[in-house]
Amino acid sequence: RGVGSCGEYLGLLLALCRLNGIACRTV
């Protein structure tokens, strides 16, 4: 879609980081 809320930005950041071996979490 190319449009996101803060939670949707966060979801994409979490997914890409974890797939690259970077531990991350929501705050």
PDB file of all heavy atoms in Angstrom:
ATOM      1  N   ARG A   1       0.821  -1.215   0.000  1.00  0.00           N
ATOM      2  CA  ARG A   1       0.000   0.000   0.000  1.00  0.00           C
ATOM      3  C   ARG A   1       0.854   1.263   0.000  1.00  0.00           C
ATOM      4  O   ARG A   1       0.512   2.273  -0.608  1.00  0.00           O
ATOM      5  CB  ARG A   1      -0.922  -0.027   1.220  1.00  0.00           C
ATOM      6  CG  ARG A   1      -1.941   1.094   1.257  1.00  0.00           C
ATOM      7  CD  ARG A   1      -2.887   0.890   2.432  1.00  0.00           C
ATOM      8  NE  ARG A   1      -2.181   0.929   3.702  1.00  0.00           N
ATOM      9  CZ  ARG A   1      -2.481   0.182   4.752  1.00  0.00           C
ATOM     10  NH1 ARG A   1      -3.468  -0.690   4.693  1.00  0.00           N
ATOM     11  NH2 ARG A   1      -1.790   0.289   5.869  1.00  0.00           N
ATOM     12  N   GLY A   2       1.977   1.229   0.745  1.00  0.00           N
ATOM     13  CA  GLY A   2       2.871   2.380   0.800  1.00  0.00           C
ATOM     14  C   GLY A   2       2.464   3.453   1.781  1.00  0.00           C
ATOM     15  O   GLY A   2       3.069   4.525   1.807  1.00  0.00           O
ATOM     16  N   VAL A   3       1.471   3.208   2.602  1.00  0.00           N
ATOM     17  CA  VAL A   3       0.998   4.140   3.622  1.00  0.00           C
ATOM     18  C   VAL A   3       0.832   3.367   4.917  1.00  0.00           C
ATOM     19  O   VAL A   3       0.303   2.248   4.920  1.00  0.00           O
ATOM     20  CB  VAL A   3      -0.342   4.796   3.224  1.00  0.00           C
ATOM     21  CG1 VAL A   3      -0.849   5.709   4.335  1.00  0.00           C
ATOM     22  CG2 VAL A   3      -0.193   5.577   1.923  1.00  0.00           C
ATOM     23  N   GLY A   4       1.281   3.973   6.047  1.00  0.00           N
ATOM     24  CA  GLY A   4       1.169   3.255   7.309  1.00  0.00           C
ATOM     25  C   GLY A   4       1.069   4.176   8.501  1.00  0.00           C
ATOM     26  O   GLY A   4       1.565   5.309   8.476  1.00  0.00           O
ATOM     27  N   SER A   5       0.441   3.681   9.553  1.00  0.00           N
ATOM     28  CA  SER A   5       0.419   4.372  10.845  1.00  0.00           C
ATOM     29  C   SER A   5       1.703   4.048  11.586  1.00  0.00           C
ATOM     30  O   SER A   5       2.548   3.275  11.108  1.00  0.00           O
ATOM     31  CB  SER A   5      -0.790   3.909  11.659  1.00  0.00           C
ATOM     32  OG  SER A   5      -0.669   2.521  11.965  1.00  0.00           O
ATOM     33  N   CYS A   6       1.859   4.618  12.785  1.00  0.00           N
ATOM     34  CA  CYS A   6       3.077   4.333  13.553  1.00  0.00           C
ATOM     35  C   CYS A   6       3.185   2.834  13.841  1.00  0.00           C
ATOM     36  O   CYS A   6       4.272   2.257  13.769  1.00  0.00           O
ATOM     37  CB  CYS A   6       3.104   5.141  14.851  1.00  0.00           C
ATOM     38  SG  CYS A   6       1.831   4.717  16.068  1.00  0.00           S
ATOM     39  N   GLY A   7       2.045   2.190  14.145  1.00  0.00           N
ATOM     40  CA  GLY A   7       2.069   0.752  14.409  1.00  0.00           C
ATOM     41  C   GLY A   7       2.429  -0.058  13.185  1.00  0.00           C
ATOM     42  O   GLY A   7       3.074  -1.108  13.284  1.00  0.00           O
ATOM     43  N   GLU A   8       2.040   0.427  12.000  1.00  0.00           N
ATOM     44  CA  GLU A   8       2.358  -0.291  10.766  1.00  0.00           C
ATOM     45  C   GLU A   8       3.805  -0.055  10.337  1.00  0.00           C
ATOM     46  O   GLU A   8       4.459  -0.967   9.812  1.00  0.00           O
ATOM     47  CB  GLU A   8       1.368   0.116   9.685  1.00  0.00           C
ATOM     48  CG  GLU A   8      -0.037  -0.418   9.980  1.00  0.00           C
ATOM     49  CD  GLU A   8      -1.099   0.126   9.050  1.00  0.00           C
ATOM     50  OE1 GLU A   8      -0.961   1.295   8.616  1.00  0.00           O
ATOM     51  OE2 GLU A   8      -2.065  -0.603   8.765  1.00  0.00           O
ATOM     52  N   TYR A   9       4.316   1.150  10.535  1.00  0.00           N
ATOM     53  CA  TYR A   9       5.760   1.374  10.370  1.00  0.00           C
ATOM     54  C   TYR A   9       6.518   0.391  11.258  1.00  0.00           C
ATOM     55  O   TYR A   9       7.486  -0.247  10.834  1.00  0.00           O
ATOM     56  CB  TYR A   9       6.123   2.798  10.778  1.00  0.00           C
ATOM     57  CG  TYR A   9       6.119   3.837   9.687  1.00  0.00           C
ATOM     58  CD1 TYR A   9       4.934   4.379   9.228  1.00  0.00           C
ATOM     59  CD2 TYR A   9       7.308   4.312   9.134  1.00  0.00           C
ATOM     60  CE1 TYR A   9       4.929   5.373   8.244  1.00  0.00           C
ATOM     61  CE2 TYR A   9       7.319   5.301   8.157  1.00  0.00           C
ATOM     62  CZ  TYR A   9       6.117   5.821   7.712  1.00  0.00           C
ATOM     63  OH  TYR A   9       6.115   6.800   6.745  1.00  0.00           O
ATOM     64  N   LEU A  10       6.077   0.320  12.518  1.00  0.00           N
ATOM     65  CA  LEU A  10       6.765  -0.536  13.484  1.00  0.00           C
ATOM     66  C   LEU A  10       6.736  -1.997  13.048  1.00  0.00           C
ATOM     67  O   LEU A  10       7.755  -2.696  13.123  1.00  0.00           O
ATOM     68  CB  LEU A  10       6.112  -0.379  14.858  1.00  0.00           C
ATOM     69  CG  LEU A  10       6.633  -1.307  15.950  1.00  0.00           C
ATOM     70  CD1 LEU A  10       8.104  -1.041  16.233  1.00  0.00           C
ATOM     71  CD2 LEU A  10       5.820  -1.143  17.225  1.00  0.00           C
ATOM     72  N   GLY A  11       5.586  -2.478  12.592  1.00  0.00           N
ATOM     73  CA  GLY A  11       5.499  -3.872  12.164  1.00  0.00           C
ATOM     74  C   GLY A  11       6.474  -4.189  11.051  1.00  0.00           C
ATOM     75  O   GLY A  11       7.135  -5.241  11.060  1.00  0.00           O
ATOM     76  N   LEU A  12       6.602  -3.285  10.080  1.00  0.00           N
ATOM     77  CA  LEU A  12       7.539  -3.512   8.981  1.00  0.00           C
ATOM     78  C   LEU A  12       8.977  -3.452   9.472  1.00  0.00           C
ATOM     79  O   LEU A  12       9.826  -4.270   9.068  1.00  0.00           O
ATOM     80  CB  LEU A  12       7.292  -2.471   7.882  1.00  0.00           C
ATOM     81  CG  LEU A  12       8.119  -2.615   6.603  1.00  0.00           C
ATOM     82  CD1 LEU A  12       7.977  -4.005   6.004  1.00  0.00           C
ATOM     83  CD2 LEU A  12       7.702  -1.554   5.579  1.00  0.00           C
ATOM     84  N   LEU A  13       9.292  -2.519  10.364  1.00  0.00           N
ATOM     85  CA  LEU A  13      10.643  -2.441  10.931  1.00  0.00           C
ATOM     86  C   LEU A  13      10.996  -3.717  11.685  1.00  0.00           C
ATOM     87  O   LEU A  13      12.099  -4.266  11.542  1.00  0.00           O
ATOM     88  CB  LEU A  13      10.749  -1.235  11.866  1.00  0.00           C
ATOM     89  CG  LEU A  13      10.778   0.150  11.216  1.00  0.00           C
ATOM     90  CD1 LEU A  13      10.547   1.236  12.254  1.00  0.00           C
ATOM     91  CD2 LEU A  13      12.109   0.393  10.504  1.00  0.00           C
ATOM     92  N   LEU A  14      10.054  -4.204  12.494  1.00  0.00           N
ATOM     93  CA  LEU A  14      10.293  -5.438  13.257  1.00  0.00           C
ATOM     94  C   LEU A  14      10.556  -6.620  12.320  1.00  0.00           C
ATOM     95  O   LEU A  14      11.502  -7.397  12.529  1.00  0.00           O
ATOM     96  CB  LEU A  14       9.092  -5.749  14.152  1.00  0.00           C
ATOM     97  CG  LEU A  14       8.842  -4.822  15.344  1.00  0.00           C
ATOM     98  CD1 LEU A  14       7.487  -5.135  15.980  1.00  0.00           C
ATOM     99  CD2 LEU A  14       9.949  -4.950  16.393  1.00  0.00           C
ATOM    100  N   ALA A  15       9.733  -6.750  11.297  1.00  0.00           N
ATOM    101  CA  ALA A  15       9.881  -7.879  10.382  1.00  0.00           C
ATOM    102  C   ALA A  15      11.229  -7.858   9.671  1.00  0.00           C
ATOM    103  O   ALA A  15      11.937  -8.887   9.603  1.00  0.00           O
ATOM    104  CB  ALA A  15       8.739  -7.871   9.367  1.00  0.00           C
ATOM    105  N   LEU A  16      11.619  -6.697   9.151  1.00  0.00           N
ATOM    106  CA  LEU A  16      12.877  -6.617   8.389  1.00  0.00           C
ATOM    107  C   LEU A  16      14.089  -6.791   9.292  1.00  0.00           C
ATOM    108  O   LEU A  16      15.090  -7.400   8.897  1.00  0.00           O
ATOM    109  CB  LEU A  16      12.948  -5.285   7.640  1.00  0.00           C
ATOM    110  CG  LEU A  16      11.805  -4.990   6.650  1.00  0.00           C
ATOM    111  CD1 LEU A  16      12.131  -3.749   5.833  1.00  0.00           C
ATOM    112  CD2 LEU A  16      11.534  -6.186   5.748  1.00  0.00           C
ATOM    113  N   CYS A  17      14.012  -6.241  10.511  1.00  0.00           N
ATOM    114  CA  CYS A  17      15.130  -6.416  11.440  1.00  0.00           C
ATOM    115  C   CYS A  17      15.278  -7.883  11.847  1.00  0.00           C
ATOM    116  O   CYS A  17      16.384  -8.437  11.834  1.00  0.00           O
ATOM    117  CB  CYS A  17      14.923  -5.541  12.679  1.00  0.00           C
ATOM    118  SG  CYS A  17      15.307  -3.796  12.436  1.00  0.00           S
ATOM    119  N   ARG A  18      14.198  -8.513  12.208  1.00  0.00           N
ATOM    120  CA  ARG A  18      14.282  -9.904  12.678  1.00  0.00           C
ATOM    121  C   ARG A  18      14.768 -10.839  11.583  1.00  0.00           C
ATOM    122  O   ARG A  18      15.545 -11.770  11.847  1.00  0.00           O
ATOM    123  CB  ARG A  18      12.923 -10.336  13.221  1.00  0.00           C
ATOM    124  CG  ARG A  18      12.575  -9.638  14.528  1.00  0.00           C
ATOM    125  CD  ARG A  18      11.235 -10.059  15.100  1.00  0.00           C
ATOM    126  NE  ARG A  18      10.972  -9.365  16.359  1.00  0.00           N
ATOM    127  CZ  ARG A  18       9.918  -9.576  17.134  1.00  0.00           C
ATOM    128  NH1 ARG A  18       9.008 -10.468  16.768  1.00  0.00           N
ATOM    129  NH2 ARG A  18       9.774  -8.907  18.264  1.00  0.00           N
ATOM    130  N   LEU A  19      14.334 -10.603  10.347  1.00  0.00           N
ATOM    131  CA  LEU A  19      14.815 -11.439   9.252  1.00  0.00           C
ATOM    132  C   LEU A  19      16.300 -11.235   8.987  1.00  0.00           C
ATOM    133  O   LEU A  19      16.949 -12.090   8.374  1.00  0.00           O
ATOM    134  CB  LEU A  19      14.018 -11.142   7.983  1.00  0.00           C
ATOM    135  CG  LEU A  19      12.608 -11.755   7.938  1.00  0.00           C
ATOM    136  CD1 LEU A  19      11.808 -11.201   6.774  1.00  0.00           C
ATOM    137  CD2 LEU A  19      12.683 -13.280   7.860  1.00  0.00           C
ATOM    138  N   ASN A  20      16.844 -10.111   9.465  1.00  0.00           N
ATOM    139  CA  ASN A  20      18.277  -9.859   9.324  1.00  0.00           C
ATOM    140  C   ASN A  20      19.053 -10.157  10.600  1.00  0.00           C
ATOM    141  O   ASN A  20      20.189  -9.704  10.770  1.00  0.00           O
ATOM    142  CB  ASN A  20      18.510  -8.404   8.905  1.00  0.00           C
ATOM    143  CG  ASN A  20      18.325  -8.198   7.408  1.00  0.00           C
ATOM    144  OD1 ASN A  20      19.158  -8.624   6.608  1.00  0.00           O
ATOM    145  ND2 ASN A  20      17.215  -7.564   7.027  1.00  0.00           N
ATOM    146  N   GLY A  21      18.442 -10.914  11.504  1.00  0.00           N
ATOM    147  CA  GLY A  21      19.150 -11.359  12.701  1.00  0.00           C
ATOM    148  C   GLY A  21      19.297 -10.297  13.771  1.00  0.00           C
ATOM    149  O   GLY A  21      20.168 -10.424  14.644  1.00  0.00           O
ATOM    150  N   ILE A  22      18.459  -9.271  13.730  1.00  0.00           N
ATOM    151  CA  ILE A  22      18.543  -8.180  14.705  1.00  0.00           C
ATOM    152  C   ILE A  22      17.399  -8.316  15.697  1.00  0.00           C
ATOM    153  O   ILE A  22      16.228  -8.183  15.326  1.00  0.00           O
ATOM    154  CB  ILE A  22      18.473  -6.810  14.004  1.00  0.00           C
ATOM    155  CG1 ILE A  22      19.609  -6.678  12.976  1.00  0.00           C
ATOM    156  CG2 ILE A  22      18.542  -5.675  15.024  1.00  0.00           C
ATOM    157  CD1 ILE A  22      19.385  -5.573  11.966  1.00  0.00           C
ATOM    158  N   ALA A  23      17.715  -8.603  16.939  1.00  0.00           N
ATOM    159  CA  ALA A  23      16.690  -8.741  17.968  1.00  0.00           C
ATOM    160  C   ALA A  23      16.015  -7.388  18.204  1.00  0.00           C
ATOM    161  O   ALA A  23      16.696  -6.362  18.326  1.00  0.00           O
ATOM    162  CB  ALA A  23      17.301  -9.259  19.264  1.00  0.00           C
ATOM    163  N   CYS A  24      14.692  -7.384  18.266  1.00  0.00           N
ATOM    164  CA  CYS A  24      13.964  -6.126  18.448  1.00  0.00           C
ATOM    165  C   CYS A  24      12.612  -6.406  19.085  1.00  0.00           C
ATOM    166  O   CYS A  24      12.123  -7.541  19.073  1.00  0.00           O
ATOM    167  CB  CYS A  24      13.805  -5.389  17.117  1.00  0.00           C
ATOM    168  SG  CYS A  24      13.121  -6.399  15.791  1.00  0.00           S
ATOM    169  N   ARG A  25      12.026  -5.361  19.639  1.00  0.00           N
ATOM    170  CA  ARG A  25      10.742  -5.510  20.331  1.00  0.00           C
ATOM    171  C   ARG A  25       9.961  -4.199  20.278  1.00  0.00           C
ATOM    172  O   ARG A  25      10.519  -3.132  20.001  1.00  0.00           O
ATOM    173  CB  ARG A  25      10.967  -5.921  21.783  1.00  0.00           C
ATOM    174  CG  ARG A  25      11.690  -4.893  22.637  1.00  0.00           C
ATOM    175  CD  ARG A  25      11.972  -5.425  24.026  1.00  0.00           C
ATOM    176  NE  ARG A  25      12.639  -4.421  24.870  1.00  0.00           N
ATOM    177  CZ  ARG A  25      13.088  -4.650  26.099  1.00  0.00           C
ATOM    178  NH1 ARG A  25      12.948  -5.855  26.638  1.00  0.00           N
ATOM    179  NH2 ARG A  25      13.679  -3.683  26.791  1.00  0.00           N
ATOM    180  N   THR A  26       8.671  -4.308  20.576  1.00  0.00           N
ATOM    181  CA  THR A  26       7.772  -3.157  20.609  1.00  0.00           C
ATOM    182  C   THR A  26       7.809  -2.499  21.976  1.00  0.00           C
ATOM    183  O   THR A  26       7.855  -3.172  23.005  1.00  0.00           O
ATOM    184  CB  THR A  26       6.334  -3.598  20.305  1.00  0.00           C
ATOM    185  OG1 THR A  26       6.289  -4.208  19.013  1.00  0.00           O
ATOM    186  CG2 THR A  26       5.375  -2.417  20.336  1.00  0.00           C
ATOM    187  N   VAL A  27       7.787  -1.166  21.977  1.00  0.00           N
ATOM    188  CA  VAL A  27       7.707  -0.386  23.219  1.00  0.00           C
ATOM    189  C   VAL A  27       6.634   0.684  23.010  1.00  0.00           C
ATOM    190  O   VAL A  27       6.415   1.164  21.902  1.00  0.00           O
ATOM    191  CB  VAL A  27       9.052   0.267  23.582  1.00  0.00           C
ATOM    192  CG1 VAL A  27       8.959   1.024  24.898  1.00  0.00           C
ATOM    193  CG2 VAL A  27      10.155  -0.779  23.661  1.00  0.00           C
TER     194      VAL A  27
END
